[in-house]
């Protein structure tokens, strides 16, 4: 059904901002700056995208207008609408101050929060029809709406501070000028549905280009994190960075160190979970940003000698990342994508190689124990980036285990070795499967097939053992209480030693049964005297 609001969408005759690079098609600029027929000018999918959000936008616009305030849909939702994407998370900018916004949203939504009030942001949620008035279990439903409304503002960084200084503004145009890129500096005033594009974001959207609304040096000086957002949007949208903007990032890369590790980590995680993380990572490395936020990554660009005795580890790591992503599953699968842990482990699995590289006699190159060194480096870097403990633990463990399989193809593993492989991986086994397979980047088809067949065989044996044993929870046949009762001892270190002995037997021989386990325990106890 046609929208009752879209015919009222008009386009503000605003200046188009700084001169565009010569690469921008002048016909695109002209057509995007002057759109006499708003609805036909919308790209495919944009009308439907606006239709999915306009009712909420117009309703809120009327609410704020009646209270004497301006309101505009801004940033990502506007950009995504023109890309044919929909979102239930809507960002608005307003002339209202935070307390005024809080009062309006409290009356409008089923829930509201003011956690971002210091920065002028108030959030609210409205449940879909039929679900209002009570909390919903299991998160948002498809028709639920979340909005965030932020007071017009300007912000900048004190050179000695890690936190932005926030000052509230008075105009939408002023607020848009402080946005990171022109494609995110477009807005739709509501309830009148007036499109506002003071910096030529529509033209840049057509060019798939990331350009700052103001001089890039000033923009990045005000908020250095915008440099990392350029890499993130390259990964999310597949856009390229405009040359002058790219040059400014190279010149100012060191400025990123003023930004808190927590904010850097959020951007890096979004980049890695984007559809094309490789594009974003290349921006980070080529611009010099990675040298400050993830220095282990550019360090993988090891010089390849004239005899080509080893691979380019950096390029290999990006290929492994791509191949691991291709193995992620649908939401109901065992490794639903995007999986941050798998992607971090794939990218960083070889970061121990620079520190362990040795040129051997005869022309070979070795990286002995790089998985152990790499696991320690990963843990150190992820802790510095303030990742949560579970992520640090899981990623470093995968890096430590990623070479374990390579001994399998050299000779048949015993059942004991397969049990240890599964037990050591624990809940990370499915991710380890994918990381190990992705780590095969050889162009030698015969070698690649041999490795693939070997891993197929390992997975088959794991499945067979699982049918016979509870591999996911391997433990001794006797628990601590049974050990103390059998040996007639009190709690203490000896119980743990006995438990470890029985666990080793379980690994080597499979399930023993309680009677055999007691006999083995008593034999071990007697041998201690």
Protein backbone atom coordinates (compact mmCIF):
# COMPACT_ATOMS: atom_id res chain seq x y z
CA UNK A 1 0.00 0.00 0.00
CA UNK A 2 1.29 3.48 -0.81
CA UNK A 3 2.40 5.47 2.20
CA UNK A 4 0.19 8.41 3.28
CA UNK A 5 3.33 10.34 4.22
CA UNK A 6 5.78 9.75 1.39
CA UNK A 7 4.10 12.15 -1.05
CA UNK A 8 4.89 14.89 1.50
CA UNK A 9 8.62 14.08 1.45
CA UNK A 10 10.32 17.22 0.19
CA UNK A 11 13.96 18.10 -0.29
CA UNK A 12 15.67 21.01 1.39
CA UNK A 13 17.59 23.30 -0.95
CA UNK A 14 20.70 23.29 1.21
CA UNK A 15 24.29 24.05 0.19
CA UNK A 16 26.15 20.91 -0.79
CA UNK A 17 29.20 21.56 1.37
CA UNK A 18 32.87 21.43 0.38
CA UNK A 19 33.81 20.96 -3.30
CA UNK A 20 33.65 17.34 -4.41
CA UNK A 21 36.62 15.47 -5.80
CA UNK A 22 36.81 15.37 -9.58
CA UNK A 23 35.96 11.67 -9.46
CA UNK A 24 32.36 12.40 -8.46
CA UNK A 25 30.05 12.33 -11.46
CA UNK A 26 28.64 15.82 -11.95
CA UNK A 27 25.32 14.46 -13.18
CA UNK A 28 24.93 12.55 -9.92
CA UNK A 29 25.65 15.68 -7.93
CA UNK A 30 23.17 17.71 -9.93
CA UNK A 31 20.40 15.14 -9.72
CA UNK A 32 20.83 14.58 -5.98
CA UNK A 33 20.96 18.29 -5.15
CA UNK A 34 17.77 19.07 -7.09
CA UNK A 35 15.02 16.49 -6.89
CA UNK A 36 11.82 18.03 -8.20
CA UNK A 37 9.88 14.75 -7.96
CA UNK A 38 10.69 13.34 -4.50
CA UNK A 39 8.99 9.96 -4.68
CA UNK A 40 10.17 8.84 -8.15
CA UNK A 41 13.71 10.03 -7.25
CA UNK A 42 13.96 7.60 -4.34
CA UNK A 43 16.26 4.67 -5.15
CA UNK A 44 14.73 1.17 -5.32
CA UNK A 45 13.76 0.01 -1.87
CA UNK A 46 14.01 3.44 -0.26
CA UNK A 47 10.27 4.12 -0.37
CA UNK A 48 9.54 0.80 1.33
CA UNK A 49 12.22 1.49 3.92
CA UNK A 50 10.79 4.90 4.75
CA UNK A 51 7.32 3.40 4.84
CA UNK A 52 8.43 0.97 7.56
CA UNK A 53 9.63 3.79 9.85
CA UNK A 54 7.55 6.81 8.91
CA UNK A 55 4.59 6.13 11.16
CA UNK A 56 6.80 6.18 14.24
CA UNK A 57 8.80 9.14 12.91
CA UNK A 58 5.75 11.21 12.11
CA UNK A 59 4.06 10.36 15.42
CA UNK A 60 7.14 11.42 17.37
CA UNK A 61 7.55 14.49 15.17
CA UNK A 62 4.04 15.62 16.00
CA UNK A 63 4.63 14.96 19.69
CA UNK A 64 7.78 17.11 19.75
CA UNK A 65 6.27 19.80 17.50
CA UNK A 66 3.24 20.18 19.77
CA UNK A 67 5.67 20.67 22.68
CA UNK A 68 7.46 23.42 20.73
CA UNK A 69 10.54 21.44 19.61
CA UNK A 70 12.12 20.38 16.34
CA UNK A 71 12.76 16.70 15.58
CA UNK A 72 14.54 14.97 12.69
CA UNK A 73 15.37 11.41 11.77
CA UNK A 74 19.15 11.39 11.30
CA UNK A 75 22.19 9.34 10.42
CA UNK A 76 22.14 5.62 9.78
CA UNK A 77 18.37 5.12 9.42
CA UNK A 78 18.24 7.77 6.69
CA UNK A 79 21.30 6.41 4.91
CA UNK A 80 20.03 2.84 5.14
CA UNK A 81 16.61 3.83 3.81
CA UNK A 82 18.25 5.06 0.63
CA UNK A 83 20.19 1.79 0.47
CA UNK A 84 16.94 -0.17 0.71
CA UNK A 85 17.56 -1.37 4.26
CA UNK A 86 15.18 -1.30 7.19
CA UNK A 87 15.81 -0.92 10.90
CA UNK A 88 13.70 -0.86 14.04
CA UNK A 89 16.37 1.22 15.80
CA UNK A 90 15.74 4.87 14.94
CA UNK A 91 18.02 7.82 15.73
CA UNK A 92 16.61 11.31 16.05
CA UNK A 93 18.06 14.76 16.72
CA UNK A 94 16.06 17.47 18.47
CA UNK A 95 16.17 21.03 19.69
CA UNK A 96 14.71 19.80 23.01
CA UNK A 97 17.04 19.52 25.99
CA UNK A 98 17.50 16.08 27.59
CA UNK A 99 15.03 16.60 30.45
CA UNK A 100 12.37 17.75 27.98
CA UNK A 101 13.04 14.76 25.75
CA UNK A 102 12.85 12.41 28.72
CA UNK A 103 9.41 13.66 29.66
CA UNK A 104 8.09 13.27 26.11
CA UNK A 105 9.49 9.78 25.58
CA UNK A 106 8.29 8.60 28.98
CA UNK A 107 4.77 9.41 27.87
CA UNK A 108 5.24 7.87 24.40
CA UNK A 109 7.06 4.59 25.06
CA UNK A 110 6.53 1.42 27.07
CA UNK A 111 10.04 1.79 28.50
CA UNK A 112 12.64 4.53 28.52
CA UNK A 113 16.21 5.12 29.77
CA UNK A 114 18.55 8.02 30.32
CA UNK A 115 21.92 6.25 30.42
CA UNK A 116 23.22 8.63 27.72
CA UNK A 117 21.75 11.76 29.26
CA UNK A 118 25.19 13.27 29.89
CA UNK A 119 25.68 13.31 26.11
CA UNK A 120 22.13 14.47 25.40
CA UNK A 121 20.70 11.05 24.48
CA UNK A 122 17.46 9.58 25.80
CA UNK A 123 16.17 6.18 24.66
CA UNK A 124 12.75 4.58 24.55
CA UNK A 125 11.10 1.38 23.40
CA UNK A 126 7.59 0.77 22.19
CA UNK A 127 6.28 -2.75 21.84
CA UNK A 128 4.30 -3.92 18.84
CA UNK A 129 0.52 -3.77 18.90
CA UNK A 130 -0.87 -6.29 21.35
CA UNK A 131 2.28 -6.39 23.46
CA UNK A 132 2.16 -2.98 25.08
CA UNK A 133 2.08 -2.52 28.80
CA UNK A 134 4.43 -5.32 29.78
CA UNK A 135 7.97 -6.52 29.36
CA UNK A 136 8.63 -8.94 26.54
CA UNK A 137 10.68 -12.07 27.19
CA UNK A 138 13.36 -12.93 24.68
CA UNK A 139 14.19 -9.44 23.42
CA UNK A 140 12.61 -7.41 20.65
CA UNK A 141 9.93 -8.72 18.32
CA UNK A 142 10.14 -7.75 14.63
CA UNK A 143 7.57 -4.96 15.02
CA UNK A 144 8.95 -3.48 18.25
CA UNK A 145 10.57 -0.06 17.89
CA UNK A 146 13.57 1.39 19.72
CA UNK A 147 14.34 5.08 19.40
CA UNK A 148 17.16 7.29 20.64
CA UNK A 149 16.69 11.04 20.65
CA UNK A 150 19.73 13.28 21.07
CA UNK A 151 19.79 17.01 21.62
CA UNK A 152 21.47 18.99 18.84
CA UNK A 153 25.11 19.14 19.81
CA UNK A 154 28.70 19.78 18.96
CA UNK A 155 31.59 17.90 20.52
CA UNK A 156 35.36 18.01 20.40
CA UNK A 157 38.35 16.52 22.16
CA UNK A 158 40.67 18.19 24.59
CA UNK A 159 44.16 17.07 23.50
CA UNK A 160 44.83 15.84 27.03
CA UNK A 161 41.51 14.01 27.50
CA UNK A 162 40.14 10.66 26.37
CA UNK A 163 36.52 11.82 26.61
CA UNK A 164 34.69 14.16 24.24
CA UNK A 165 33.53 17.53 25.48
CA UNK A 166 29.84 17.92 24.75
CA UNK A 167 28.09 21.21 24.04
CA UNK A 168 24.44 21.35 23.05
CA UNK A 169 23.58 23.16 19.82
CA UNK A 170 20.55 24.94 18.44
CA UNK A 171 20.23 23.90 14.79
CA UNK A 172 19.90 20.69 12.81
CA UNK A 173 22.44 21.90 10.25
CA UNK A 174 24.99 22.53 13.00
CA UNK A 175 24.36 19.06 14.40
CA UNK A 176 24.80 17.43 11.00
CA UNK A 177 28.14 19.17 10.49
CA UNK A 178 29.58 17.26 13.46
CA UNK A 179 28.67 13.87 12.00
CA UNK A 180 31.44 11.53 10.93
CA UNK A 181 30.72 11.26 7.20
CA UNK A 182 28.43 12.96 4.71
CA UNK A 183 26.45 9.76 4.09
CA UNK A 184 25.56 9.88 7.79
CA UNK A 185 24.90 13.64 7.75
CA UNK A 186 21.53 13.46 6.03
CA UNK A 187 18.25 13.94 7.87
CA UNK A 188 14.49 13.97 7.44
CA UNK A 189 12.62 16.62 9.43
CA UNK A 190 9.45 15.25 10.96
CA UNK A 191 6.52 15.39 10.88
CA UNK A 192 6.83 17.35 7.60
CA UNK A 193 9.14 14.71 5.99
CA UNK A 194 11.59 17.30 4.64
CA UNK A 195 14.87 15.79 3.42
CA UNK A 196 17.93 17.76 4.58
CA UNK A 197 21.32 17.19 2.95
CA UNK A 198 23.62 20.17 3.60
CA UNK A 199 26.86 18.31 2.81
CA UNK A 200 26.07 16.36 -0.33
CA UNK A 201 25.61 13.01 1.35
CA UNK A 202 23.27 11.74 -1.37
CA UNK A 203 25.94 12.30 -4.05
CA UNK A 204 28.55 10.53 -1.93
CA UNK A 205 26.10 7.69 -1.31
CA UNK A 206 25.75 7.27 -5.06
CA UNK A 207 29.54 7.23 -5.36
CA UNK A 208 29.85 4.79 -2.40
CA UNK A 209 32.31 7.22 -0.87
CA UNK A 210 33.20 8.17 2.70
CA UNK A 211 33.94 11.89 3.06
CA UNK A 212 33.81 14.12 6.13
CA UNK A 213 31.25 16.96 6.23
CA UNK A 214 33.95 19.43 7.26
CA UNK A 215 37.70 19.43 6.62
CA UNK A 216 38.88 15.93 7.58
CA UNK A 217 41.75 17.26 9.71
CA UNK A 218 39.31 19.23 11.83
CA UNK A 219 36.81 16.39 11.99
CA UNK A 220 39.38 13.82 13.11
CA UNK A 221 40.94 16.25 15.55
CA UNK A 222 37.52 16.79 17.14
CA UNK A 223 36.89 13.02 17.43
CA UNK A 224 39.76 10.72 16.37
CA UNK A 225 37.50 7.66 16.59
CA UNK A 226 35.97 8.80 13.29
CA UNK A 227 39.12 7.49 11.60
CA UNK A 228 38.29 4.00 12.81
CA UNK A 229 34.70 4.47 11.72
CA UNK A 230 35.97 4.99 8.19
CA UNK A 231 37.45 1.49 8.33
CA UNK A 232 34.30 0.12 9.92
CA UNK A 233 31.99 1.60 7.27
CA UNK A 234 34.29 0.31 4.54
CA UNK A 235 33.66 -3.16 6.00
CA UNK A 236 29.95 -2.66 6.62
CA UNK A 237 28.95 -0.85 3.43
CA UNK A 238 31.72 -1.72 1.01
CA UNK A 239 32.44 2.00 0.50
CA UNK A 240 35.84 3.54 -0.27
CA UNK A 241 37.49 6.41 1.58
CA UNK A 242 37.72 9.67 -0.38
CA UNK A 243 41.40 10.54 -1.14
CA UNK A 244 41.67 13.71 0.97
CA UNK A 245 39.97 11.94 3.87
CA UNK A 246 42.33 8.96 3.49
CA UNK A 247 45.36 11.27 3.47
CA UNK A 248 44.17 12.93 6.66
CA UNK A 249 43.84 9.54 8.38
CA UNK A 250 47.42 8.66 7.45
CA UNK A 251 48.68 12.00 8.74
CA UNK A 252 46.68 11.86 11.97
CA UNK A 253 46.71 8.13 12.77
CA UNK A 254 48.59 8.69 16.02
CA UNK A 255 45.73 10.85 17.30
CA UNK A 256 43.71 7.65 17.85
CA UNK A 257 45.74 7.02 21.00
CA UNK A 258 43.75 9.72 22.81
CA UNK A 259 40.61 7.57 22.47
CA UNK A 260 39.76 5.12 25.24
CA UNK A 261 40.43 1.42 24.65
CA UNK A 262 36.75 0.64 25.23
CA UNK A 263 35.61 2.85 22.33
CA UNK A 264 38.31 1.47 20.04
CA UNK A 265 37.27 -2.06 20.92
CA UNK A 266 33.62 -1.39 20.04
CA UNK A 267 34.61 -0.11 16.59
CA UNK A 268 36.98 -3.01 15.98
CA UNK A 269 34.31 -5.53 16.95
CA UNK A 270 31.75 -3.90 14.64
CA UNK A 271 34.31 -3.95 11.83
CA UNK A 272 35.08 -7.64 12.35
CA UNK A 273 31.39 -8.55 12.45
CA UNK A 274 30.63 -6.61 9.26
CA UNK A 275 29.95 -8.34 5.91
CA UNK A 276 33.42 -7.54 4.52
CA UNK A 277 35.88 -7.19 7.43
CA UNK A 278 38.88 -7.60 5.13
CA UNK A 279 38.15 -4.22 3.48
CA UNK A 280 38.07 -2.49 6.85
CA UNK A 281 41.22 -4.21 8.10
CA UNK A 282 43.08 -3.12 4.99
CA UNK A 283 42.04 0.47 5.70
CA UNK A 284 43.37 0.13 9.25
CA UNK A 285 46.70 -1.29 8.12
CA UNK A 286 47.24 0.90 5.04
CA UNK A 287 46.42 4.09 6.95
CA UNK A 288 48.70 3.30 9.88
CA UNK A 289 45.82 3.13 12.38
CA UNK A 290 46.46 -0.55 13.05
CA UNK A 291 49.98 0.26 14.23
CA UNK A 292 48.35 2.06 17.17
CA UNK A 293 45.29 -0.10 17.95
CA UNK A 294 46.32 -3.59 16.80
CA UNK A 295 50.07 -3.46 16.08
CA UNK A 296 50.38 -7.23 15.86
CA UNK A 297 48.42 -7.17 12.58
CA UNK A 298 50.78 -5.03 10.44
CA UNK A 299 53.68 -6.87 12.10
CA UNK A 300 52.55 -9.93 10.12
CA UNK A 301 53.75 -8.28 6.92
CA UNK A 302 56.99 -10.22 7.09
CA UNK A 303 59.51 -9.57 4.37
CA UNK A 304 59.57 -12.45 1.90
CA UNK A 305 63.12 -13.27 0.84
CA UNK A 306 64.12 -13.86 -2.77
CA UNK A 307 63.70 -17.61 -2.40
CA UNK A 308 60.05 -17.26 -1.22
CA UNK A 309 60.69 -19.55 1.70
CA UNK A 310 57.47 -18.60 3.51
CA UNK A 311 54.09 -17.05 2.85
CA UNK A 312 53.08 -13.48 3.43
CA UNK A 313 51.63 -14.10 6.89
CA UNK A 314 49.46 -10.96 6.76
CA UNK A 315 47.80 -11.93 3.50
CA UNK A 316 47.47 -15.52 4.71
CA UNK A 317 45.70 -14.32 7.87
CA UNK A 318 43.18 -12.30 5.86
CA UNK A 319 42.48 -15.32 3.67
CA UNK A 320 41.98 -17.50 6.75
CA UNK A 321 39.54 -14.93 8.10
CA UNK A 322 37.56 -14.98 4.84
CA UNK A 323 37.51 -18.78 4.79
CA UNK A 324 36.42 -19.01 8.42
CA UNK A 325 33.58 -16.56 7.81
CA UNK A 326 32.41 -18.73 4.91
CA UNK A 327 31.98 -21.61 7.39
CA UNK A 328 29.81 -19.74 9.89
CA UNK A 329 26.30 -21.10 10.17
CA UNK A 330 22.78 -19.73 10.14
CA UNK A 331 21.33 -18.56 13.49
CA UNK A 332 20.12 -22.06 14.34
CA UNK A 333 23.50 -23.65 13.53
CA UNK A 334 26.45 -24.56 15.75
CA UNK A 335 28.48 -21.39 14.97
CA UNK A 336 25.99 -18.64 14.10
CA UNK A 337 27.55 -15.79 12.16
CA UNK A 338 28.88 -13.27 12.65
CA UNK A 339 30.95 -14.97 15.36
CA UNK A 340 33.37 -12.48 16.95
CA UNK A 341 35.46 -15.15 18.70
CA UNK A 342 36.01 -17.18 15.53
CA UNK A 343 36.84 -14.05 13.52
CA UNK A 344 39.33 -12.74 16.07
CA UNK A 345 41.01 -16.13 16.32
CA UNK A 346 41.19 -16.50 12.54
CA UNK A 347 42.72 -13.06 12.10
CA UNK A 348 45.23 -13.42 14.94
CA UNK A 349 46.06 -17.13 14.87
CA UNK A 350 49.57 -16.53 13.52
CA UNK A 351 50.58 -13.39 15.42
CA UNK A 352 53.28 -15.41 17.20
CA UNK A 353 55.17 -15.95 13.94
CA UNK A 354 57.19 -12.69 13.82
CA UNK A 355 58.65 -13.40 17.26
CA UNK A 356 59.46 -17.05 16.48
CA UNK A 357 60.71 -16.87 12.89
CA UNK A 358 64.03 -18.61 12.34
CA UNK A 359 65.93 -19.15 9.10
CA UNK A 360 67.22 -22.70 9.13
CA UNK A 361 70.21 -24.22 7.41
CA UNK A 362 69.31 -25.43 3.96
CA UNK A 363 66.95 -22.53 3.25
CA UNK A 364 64.00 -23.40 5.45
CA UNK A 365 62.05 -21.11 7.74
CA UNK A 366 60.60 -22.23 11.07
CA UNK A 367 58.13 -20.75 13.52
CA UNK A 368 58.48 -23.22 16.39
CA UNK A 369 55.90 -22.84 19.16
CA UNK A 370 54.34 -19.79 17.50
CA UNK A 371 50.93 -21.01 18.64
CA UNK A 372 52.01 -20.81 22.30
CA UNK A 373 53.65 -17.41 21.88
CA UNK A 374 50.68 -16.24 19.82
CA UNK A 375 48.15 -17.27 22.47
CA UNK A 376 49.98 -15.13 25.03
CA UNK A 377 50.19 -12.15 22.64
CA UNK A 378 46.49 -12.45 21.80
CA UNK A 379 45.51 -12.48 25.46
CA UNK A 380 47.69 -9.44 26.16
CA UNK A 381 46.30 -7.43 23.23
CA UNK A 382 42.66 -8.29 23.85
CA UNK A 383 42.99 -7.41 27.52
CA UNK A 384 44.51 -4.07 26.52
CA UNK A 385 41.47 -3.51 24.30
CA UNK A 386 39.22 -4.26 27.29
CA UNK A 387 37.52 -7.31 25.81
CA UNK A 388 35.55 -9.30 28.33
CA UNK A 389 37.35 -12.19 30.00
CA UNK A 390 35.39 -14.88 28.20
CA UNK A 391 36.38 -13.51 24.77
CA UNK A 392 40.04 -13.23 25.79
CA UNK A 393 40.04 -16.79 27.12
CA UNK A 394 38.29 -18.33 24.12
CA UNK A 395 40.28 -16.54 21.41
CA UNK A 396 43.63 -17.25 23.03
CA UNK A 397 42.67 -20.91 23.53
CA UNK A 398 41.76 -21.29 19.85
CA UNK A 399 45.08 -19.74 18.84
CA UNK A 400 46.90 -22.15 21.16
CA UNK A 401 45.09 -25.16 19.68
CA UNK A 402 45.05 -24.23 15.99
CA UNK A 403 48.08 -26.40 15.11
CA UNK A 404 47.04 -29.45 17.13
CA UNK A 405 45.40 -31.17 14.16
CA UNK A 406 48.49 -31.10 11.96
CA UNK A 407 49.95 -34.11 13.74
CA UNK A 408 46.89 -36.14 12.72
CA UNK A 409 47.82 -36.45 9.07
CA UNK A 410 51.26 -37.81 9.97
CA UNK A 411 49.89 -40.94 11.57
CA UNK A 412 46.69 -42.40 12.94
CA UNK A 413 45.75 -40.94 16.28
CA UNK A 414 44.73 -43.29 19.05
CA UNK A 415 41.27 -42.97 20.54
CA UNK A 416 43.01 -41.38 23.52
CA UNK A 417 44.45 -38.64 21.30
CA UNK A 418 41.02 -37.94 19.79
CA UNK A 419 39.49 -37.74 23.27
CA UNK A 420 42.18 -35.24 24.33
CA UNK A 421 41.56 -33.14 21.22
CA UNK A 422 37.85 -32.93 21.98
CA UNK A 423 38.37 -32.37 25.71
CA UNK A 424 41.00 -29.68 25.24
CA UNK A 425 38.76 -27.82 22.80
CA UNK A 426 35.72 -28.20 25.04
CA UNK A 427 32.88 -25.88 23.95
CA UNK A 428 35.20 -24.36 21.32
CA UNK A 429 35.35 -27.57 19.26
CA UNK A 430 33.05 -26.41 16.45
CA UNK A 431 34.97 -23.15 16.15
CA UNK A 432 38.26 -25.08 16.18
CA UNK A 433 36.96 -27.26 13.34
CA UNK A 434 36.34 -24.13 11.27
CA UNK A 435 39.58 -22.39 12.18
CA UNK A 436 41.63 -25.49 11.34
CA UNK A 437 39.94 -25.96 7.97
CA UNK A 438 40.25 -22.24 7.17
CA UNK A 439 43.97 -22.34 7.97
CA UNK A 440 44.59 -24.42 4.85
CA UNK A 441 45.42 -21.80 2.20
CA UNK A 442 47.79 -23.84 0.05
CA UNK A 443 47.38 -23.58 -3.71
CA UNK A 444 48.59 -27.16 -4.03
CA UNK A 445 45.31 -28.95 -4.75
CA UNK A 446 46.69 -32.37 -3.86
CA UNK A 447 47.94 -31.14 -0.49
CA UNK A 448 44.71 -29.26 0.18
CA UNK A 449 42.65 -32.36 -0.56
CA UNK A 450 44.89 -34.49 1.65
CA UNK A 451 44.42 -32.10 4.58
CA UNK A 452 40.67 -31.86 4.00
CA UNK A 453 40.31 -35.64 3.83
CA UNK A 454 42.36 -36.02 7.02
CA UNK A 455 40.13 -33.61 8.89
CA UNK A 456 37.03 -35.31 7.50
CA UNK A 457 38.39 -38.51 8.98
CA UNK A 458 39.06 -36.86 12.34
CA UNK A 459 35.51 -35.50 12.51
CA UNK A 460 34.17 -38.94 11.59
CA UNK A 461 36.12 -40.53 14.44
CA UNK A 462 34.91 -37.87 16.87
CA UNK A 463 31.33 -38.64 15.83
CA UNK A 464 31.90 -42.39 16.30
CA UNK A 465 33.38 -41.89 19.77
CA UNK A 466 30.49 -39.62 20.70
CA UNK A 467 28.08 -42.43 19.90
CA UNK A 468 29.90 -44.66 22.39
CA UNK A 469 30.97 -42.12 25.00
CA UNK A 470 29.93 -38.80 26.45
CA UNK A 471 32.84 -36.92 24.89
CA UNK A 472 31.47 -33.48 25.68
CA UNK A 473 31.74 -34.15 29.42
CA UNK A 474 34.60 -36.58 29.92
CA UNK A 475 35.26 -37.14 33.61
CA UNK A 476 36.56 -40.00 35.77
CA UNK A 477 34.29 -42.91 36.58
CA UNK A 478 34.45 -41.91 40.29
CA UNK A 479 33.78 -38.47 41.69
CA UNK A 480 35.52 -36.84 44.65
CA UNK A 481 33.16 -38.31 47.23
CA UNK A 482 33.57 -41.82 45.86
CA UNK A 483 37.35 -41.42 45.81
CA UNK A 484 37.40 -40.42 49.52
CA UNK A 485 35.07 -43.26 50.44
CA UNK A 486 37.13 -45.85 48.52
CA UNK A 487 40.45 -44.73 50.04
CA UNK A 488 39.08 -43.75 53.45
CA UNK A 489 40.66 -40.29 53.29
CA UNK A 490 39.53 -36.76 54.13
CA UNK A 491 39.35 -33.83 51.66
CA UNK A 492 42.77 -32.58 50.62
CA UNK A 493 45.33 -32.44 47.81
CA UNK A 494 45.49 -36.22 47.51
CA UNK A 495 41.86 -36.31 46.34
CA UNK A 496 42.77 -34.04 43.44
CA UNK A 497 45.79 -36.20 42.56
CA UNK A 498 43.61 -39.33 42.57
CA UNK A 499 41.00 -37.59 40.43
CA UNK A 500 43.67 -36.58 37.89
CA UNK A 501 44.98 -40.17 37.77
CA UNK A 502 41.51 -41.57 37.04
CA UNK A 503 40.95 -38.88 34.41
CA UNK A 504 44.15 -39.94 32.63
CA UNK A 505 42.93 -43.55 32.64
CA UNK A 506 39.57 -42.42 31.27
CA UNK A 507 41.34 -40.61 28.45
CA UNK A 508 43.54 -43.56 27.59
CA UNK A 509 41.05 -46.41 27.91
CA UNK A 510 37.60 -44.87 27.67
CA UNK A 511 34.82 -45.60 30.20
CA UNK A 512 36.03 -48.07 32.83
CA UNK A 513 32.98 -48.56 35.01
CA UNK A 514 32.96 -47.94 38.75
CA UNK A 515 34.26 -51.39 39.78
CA UNK A 516 37.31 -51.29 37.49
CA UNK A 517 37.91 -47.66 38.45
CA UNK A 518 38.00 -48.60 42.16
CA UNK A 519 40.48 -51.37 41.45
CA UNK A 520 42.71 -48.98 39.51
CA UNK A 521 42.40 -46.35 42.23
CA UNK A 522 43.43 -48.83 44.95
CA UNK A 523 46.35 -50.02 42.79
CA UNK A 524 47.49 -46.38 42.40
CA UNK A 525 47.07 -45.81 46.16
CA UNK A 526 49.11 -48.86 47.04
CA UNK A 527 51.90 -47.83 44.66
CA UNK A 528 52.25 -44.52 46.54
CA UNK A 529 53.57 -46.25 49.69
